[in-house]
N, C-alpha and C. Protein backbone atom coordinates (compact mmCIF):
# COMPACT_ATOMS: atom_id res chain seq x y z
N UNK A 1 0.83 -1.17 0.00
CA UNK A 1 0.00 0.00 0.00
C UNK A 1 0.88 1.24 0.00
N UNK A 2 0.42 2.25 -0.67
CA UNK A 2 1.16 3.49 -0.76
C UNK A 2 0.33 4.60 -0.14
N UNK A 3 0.98 5.45 0.61
CA UNK A 3 0.32 6.59 1.22
C UNK A 3 1.02 7.84 0.75
N UNK A 4 0.28 8.95 0.74
CA UNK A 4 0.87 10.20 0.30
C UNK A 4 1.89 10.69 1.32
N UNK A 5 2.75 11.55 0.84
CA UNK A 5 3.76 12.12 1.71
C UNK A 5 3.07 12.92 2.80
N UNK A 6 3.62 12.86 3.98
CA UNK A 6 3.09 13.56 5.17
C UNK A 6 1.76 12.99 5.63
N UNK A 7 1.48 11.71 5.33
CA UNK A 7 0.29 11.08 5.88
C UNK A 7 0.49 10.93 7.38
N UNK A 8 -0.56 11.18 8.15
CA UNK A 8 -0.45 11.06 9.59
C UNK A 8 -0.52 9.59 9.96
N UNK A 9 0.41 9.18 10.83
CA UNK A 9 0.46 7.79 11.26
C UNK A 9 0.73 7.75 12.75
N UNK A 10 0.19 6.76 13.41
CA UNK A 10 0.41 6.55 14.83
C UNK A 10 1.13 5.21 14.97
N UNK A 11 2.31 5.25 15.55
CA UNK A 11 3.10 4.03 15.73
C UNK A 11 2.94 3.58 17.17
N UNK A 12 2.55 2.34 17.34
CA UNK A 12 2.29 1.80 18.68
C UNK A 12 3.21 0.60 18.88
N UNK A 13 3.97 0.64 19.97
CA UNK A 13 4.79 -0.52 20.32
C UNK A 13 4.12 -1.19 21.51
N UNK A 14 3.68 -2.42 21.30
CA UNK A 14 2.97 -3.16 22.34
C UNK A 14 3.95 -3.68 23.37
N UNK A 15 3.41 -4.09 24.53
CA UNK A 15 4.26 -4.61 25.60
C UNK A 15 4.94 -5.92 25.20
N UNK A 16 4.34 -6.65 24.28
CA UNK A 16 4.95 -7.91 23.85
C UNK A 16 6.03 -7.70 22.78
N UNK A 17 6.30 -6.46 22.37
CA UNK A 17 7.36 -6.17 21.42
C UNK A 17 6.89 -5.98 19.99
N UNK A 18 5.61 -6.29 19.71
CA UNK A 18 5.08 -6.09 18.36
C UNK A 18 4.88 -4.60 18.09
N UNK A 19 4.96 -4.24 16.83
CA UNK A 19 4.79 -2.85 16.43
C UNK A 19 3.59 -2.77 15.50
N UNK A 20 2.68 -1.82 15.83
CA UNK A 20 1.50 -1.61 15.02
C UNK A 20 1.49 -0.17 14.54
N UNK A 21 0.98 0.03 13.31
CA UNK A 21 0.91 1.35 12.73
C UNK A 21 -0.54 1.62 12.36
N UNK A 22 -1.07 2.76 12.82
CA UNK A 22 -2.44 3.15 12.53
C UNK A 22 -2.40 4.29 11.52
N UNK A 23 -2.89 4.01 10.29
CA UNK A 23 -2.97 5.02 9.24
C UNK A 23 -4.40 4.99 8.70
N UNK A 24 -5.04 6.16 8.73
CA UNK A 24 -6.42 6.31 8.23
C UNK A 24 -7.35 5.28 8.85
N UNK A 25 -7.27 5.12 10.13
CA UNK A 25 -8.11 4.20 10.93
C UNK A 25 -7.99 2.74 10.52
N UNK A 26 -6.87 2.38 9.91
CA UNK A 26 -6.58 0.98 9.63
C UNK A 26 -5.29 0.65 10.36
N UNK A 27 -5.25 -0.52 10.96
CA UNK A 27 -4.09 -0.91 11.75
C UNK A 27 -3.29 -1.94 10.98
N UNK A 28 -1.99 -1.66 10.85
CA UNK A 28 -1.06 -2.54 10.14
C UNK A 28 -0.03 -3.05 11.14
N UNK A 29 0.31 -4.31 10.98
CA UNK A 29 1.32 -4.91 11.84
C UNK A 29 2.68 -4.75 11.16
N UNK A 30 3.69 -4.51 11.95
CA UNK A 30 5.03 -4.32 11.41
C UNK A 30 6.02 -5.05 12.30
N UNK A 31 7.23 -5.12 11.86
CA UNK A 31 8.26 -5.73 12.69
C UNK A 31 9.57 -4.99 12.48
N UNK A 32 10.42 -5.01 13.48
CA UNK A 32 11.72 -4.35 13.40
C UNK A 32 12.70 -5.30 12.71
N UNK A 33 13.51 -4.75 11.84
CA UNK A 33 14.57 -5.52 11.22
C UNK A 33 15.79 -5.43 12.11
N UNK A 34 16.35 -6.56 12.47
CA UNK A 34 17.53 -6.54 13.33
C UNK A 34 18.74 -6.05 12.56
N UNK A 35 18.92 -6.58 11.38
CA UNK A 35 20.01 -6.11 10.52
C UNK A 35 19.47 -5.98 9.12
N UNK A 36 20.07 -5.14 8.35
CA UNK A 36 19.65 -5.00 6.96
C UNK A 36 20.86 -4.67 6.11
N UNK A 37 20.71 -4.95 4.86
CA UNK A 37 21.76 -4.64 3.90
C UNK A 37 21.30 -3.47 3.05
N UNK A 38 22.23 -2.64 2.67
CA UNK A 38 21.89 -1.48 1.86
C UNK A 38 21.50 -1.90 0.45
N UNK A 39 22.18 -2.91 -0.08
CA UNK A 39 21.90 -3.38 -1.43
C UNK A 39 21.49 -4.84 -1.39
N UNK A 40 20.52 -5.19 -2.20
CA UNK A 40 20.05 -6.55 -2.27
C UNK A 40 21.00 -7.38 -3.14
N UNK A 41 21.30 -8.57 -2.68
CA UNK A 41 22.18 -9.45 -3.46
C UNK A 41 21.47 -9.96 -4.71
N UNK A 42 20.15 -10.11 -4.65
CA UNK A 42 19.41 -10.66 -5.77
C UNK A 42 19.10 -9.62 -6.86
N UNK A 43 18.85 -8.36 -6.47
CA UNK A 43 18.35 -7.39 -7.43
C UNK A 43 19.36 -6.31 -7.82
N UNK A 44 20.21 -5.89 -6.93
CA UNK A 44 21.13 -4.79 -7.21
C UNK A 44 22.46 -5.30 -7.75
N UNK A 45 23.04 -4.50 -8.62
CA UNK A 45 24.38 -4.80 -9.12
C UNK A 45 25.38 -4.46 -8.02
N UNK A 46 26.43 -5.24 -7.91
CA UNK A 46 27.42 -4.92 -6.87
C UNK A 46 28.08 -3.57 -7.14
N UNK A 47 28.18 -2.76 -6.10
CA UNK A 47 28.80 -1.44 -6.22
C UNK A 47 30.29 -1.57 -6.10
N UNK A 48 31.00 -0.84 -6.95
CA UNK A 48 32.44 -0.82 -6.84
C UNK A 48 32.83 0.17 -5.77
N UNK A 49 33.89 -0.12 -5.06
CA UNK A 49 34.33 0.77 -3.99
C UNK A 49 34.80 2.10 -4.56
N UNK A 50 34.77 3.10 -3.71
CA UNK A 50 35.22 4.42 -4.15
C UNK A 50 36.71 4.39 -4.43
N UNK A 51 37.08 5.03 -5.51
CA UNK A 51 38.50 5.13 -5.82
C UNK A 51 39.09 6.24 -4.99
N UNK A 52 40.26 5.98 -4.43
CA UNK A 52 40.92 7.01 -3.64
C UNK A 52 41.54 8.03 -4.57
N UNK A 53 41.28 9.28 -4.27
CA UNK A 53 41.88 10.35 -5.06
C UNK A 53 43.29 10.57 -4.55
N UNK A 54 44.20 10.71 -5.48
CA UNK A 54 45.57 11.01 -5.10
C UNK A 54 45.66 12.45 -4.67
N UNK A 55 46.31 12.69 -3.58
CA UNK A 55 46.49 14.05 -3.11
C UNK A 55 47.58 14.70 -3.95
N UNK A 56 47.27 15.88 -4.47
CA UNK A 56 48.22 16.57 -5.32
C UNK A 56 49.28 17.24 -4.45
N UNK A 57 50.52 16.92 -4.69
CA UNK A 57 51.64 17.55 -4.02
C UNK A 57 52.42 18.29 -5.09
N UNK A 58 52.49 19.61 -4.97
CA UNK A 58 53.19 20.36 -6.01
C UNK A 58 54.67 20.02 -6.04
N UNK A 59 55.31 20.16 -7.19
CA UNK A 59 56.74 19.84 -7.27
C UNK A 59 57.56 20.83 -6.43
N UNK A 60 58.78 20.42 -6.11
CA UNK A 60 59.65 21.24 -5.27
C UNK A 60 59.95 22.59 -5.93
N UNK A 61 59.88 22.66 -7.24
CA UNK A 61 60.18 23.90 -7.95
C UNK A 61 59.03 24.90 -7.90
N UNK A 62 57.89 24.50 -7.39
CA UNK A 62 56.76 25.41 -7.30
C UNK A 62 57.09 26.55 -6.32
N UNK A 63 56.77 27.80 -6.67
CA UNK A 63 57.18 28.93 -5.82
C UNK A 63 56.69 28.83 -4.38
N UNK A 64 55.46 28.43 -4.16
CA UNK A 64 54.95 28.35 -2.80
C UNK A 64 55.62 27.21 -2.05
N UNK A 65 55.85 26.11 -2.72
CA UNK A 65 56.48 24.96 -2.09
C UNK A 65 57.91 25.30 -1.70
N UNK A 66 58.63 25.96 -2.59
CA UNK A 66 60.02 26.31 -2.31
C UNK A 66 60.10 27.29 -1.14
N UNK A 67 59.18 28.25 -1.09
CA UNK A 67 59.20 29.22 0.01
C UNK A 67 58.94 28.54 1.34
N UNK A 68 58.00 27.61 1.40
CA UNK A 68 57.73 26.93 2.67
C UNK A 68 58.88 26.00 3.04
N UNK A 69 59.54 25.40 2.05
CA UNK A 69 60.67 24.53 2.34
C UNK A 69 61.85 25.35 2.86
N UNK A 70 62.08 26.53 2.29
CA UNK A 70 63.16 27.39 2.79
C UNK A 70 62.86 27.87 4.21
N UNK A 71 61.60 28.11 4.50
CA UNK A 71 61.20 28.49 5.86
C UNK A 71 61.51 27.36 6.84
N UNK A 72 61.23 26.12 6.41
CA UNK A 72 61.54 24.95 7.24
C UNK A 72 63.05 24.84 7.46
N UNK A 73 63.84 25.05 6.40
CA UNK A 73 65.30 24.97 6.53
C UNK A 73 65.82 26.04 7.49
N UNK A 74 65.28 27.24 7.43
CA UNK A 74 65.70 28.30 8.36
C UNK A 74 65.39 27.89 9.80
N UNK A 75 64.26 27.22 9.99
CA UNK A 75 63.88 26.79 11.33
C UNK A 75 64.85 25.76 11.89
N UNK A 76 65.35 24.86 11.04
CA UNK A 76 66.30 23.86 11.53
C UNK A 76 67.74 24.34 11.43
N UNK A 77 67.96 25.55 10.90
CA UNK A 77 69.29 26.15 10.88
C UNK A 77 70.17 25.72 9.72
N UNK A 78 69.58 25.51 8.55
CA UNK A 78 70.35 25.14 7.36
C UNK A 78 69.97 26.05 6.21
N UNK A 79 70.80 26.06 5.20
CA UNK A 79 70.48 26.77 3.97
C UNK A 79 70.13 25.77 2.90
N UNK A 80 69.57 26.26 1.81
CA UNK A 80 69.20 25.38 0.71
C UNK A 80 70.43 24.72 0.10
N UNK A 81 71.55 25.45 0.02
CA UNK A 81 72.76 24.88 -0.54
C UNK A 81 73.32 23.77 0.35
N UNK A 82 73.27 23.96 1.67
CA UNK A 82 73.73 22.91 2.59
C UNK A 82 72.87 21.66 2.46
N UNK A 83 71.55 21.84 2.36
CA UNK A 83 70.64 20.72 2.23
C UNK A 83 70.92 19.95 0.93
N UNK A 84 71.14 20.68 -0.18
CA UNK A 84 71.40 20.03 -1.47
C UNK A 84 72.74 19.31 -1.43
N UNK A 85 73.73 19.87 -0.72
CA UNK A 85 75.05 19.23 -0.61
C UNK A 85 74.93 17.92 0.18
N UNK A 86 74.13 17.92 1.24
CA UNK A 86 73.96 16.69 2.03
C UNK A 86 73.28 15.60 1.22
N UNK A 87 72.29 15.95 0.45
CA UNK A 87 71.53 14.95 -0.31
C UNK A 87 72.30 14.44 -1.53
N UNK A 88 73.17 15.25 -2.09
CA UNK A 88 73.90 14.80 -3.26
C UNK A 88 75.10 13.95 -2.87
N UNK A 89 75.57 14.06 -1.64
CA UNK A 89 76.76 13.30 -1.20
C UNK A 89 76.45 11.89 -0.84
């Protein structure tokens, strides 16, 4: 049965655990689902997992990247030439 959107309904949970729904003076019996699956194995196609987007890291030659790297080197007390000499050796 289909009801229009915003139909008034009264949900009653009995002492024995059953759930009843009163819509338009008709009482319907319902039950709680303990677990459910988002997609049906019989009807829905299997969904592929989301692909992880690679985080873009600008190259070292990028002006903003170079400025932040030089700031880091100043904090540890080195210059860009000293850093390049250590890595090339």
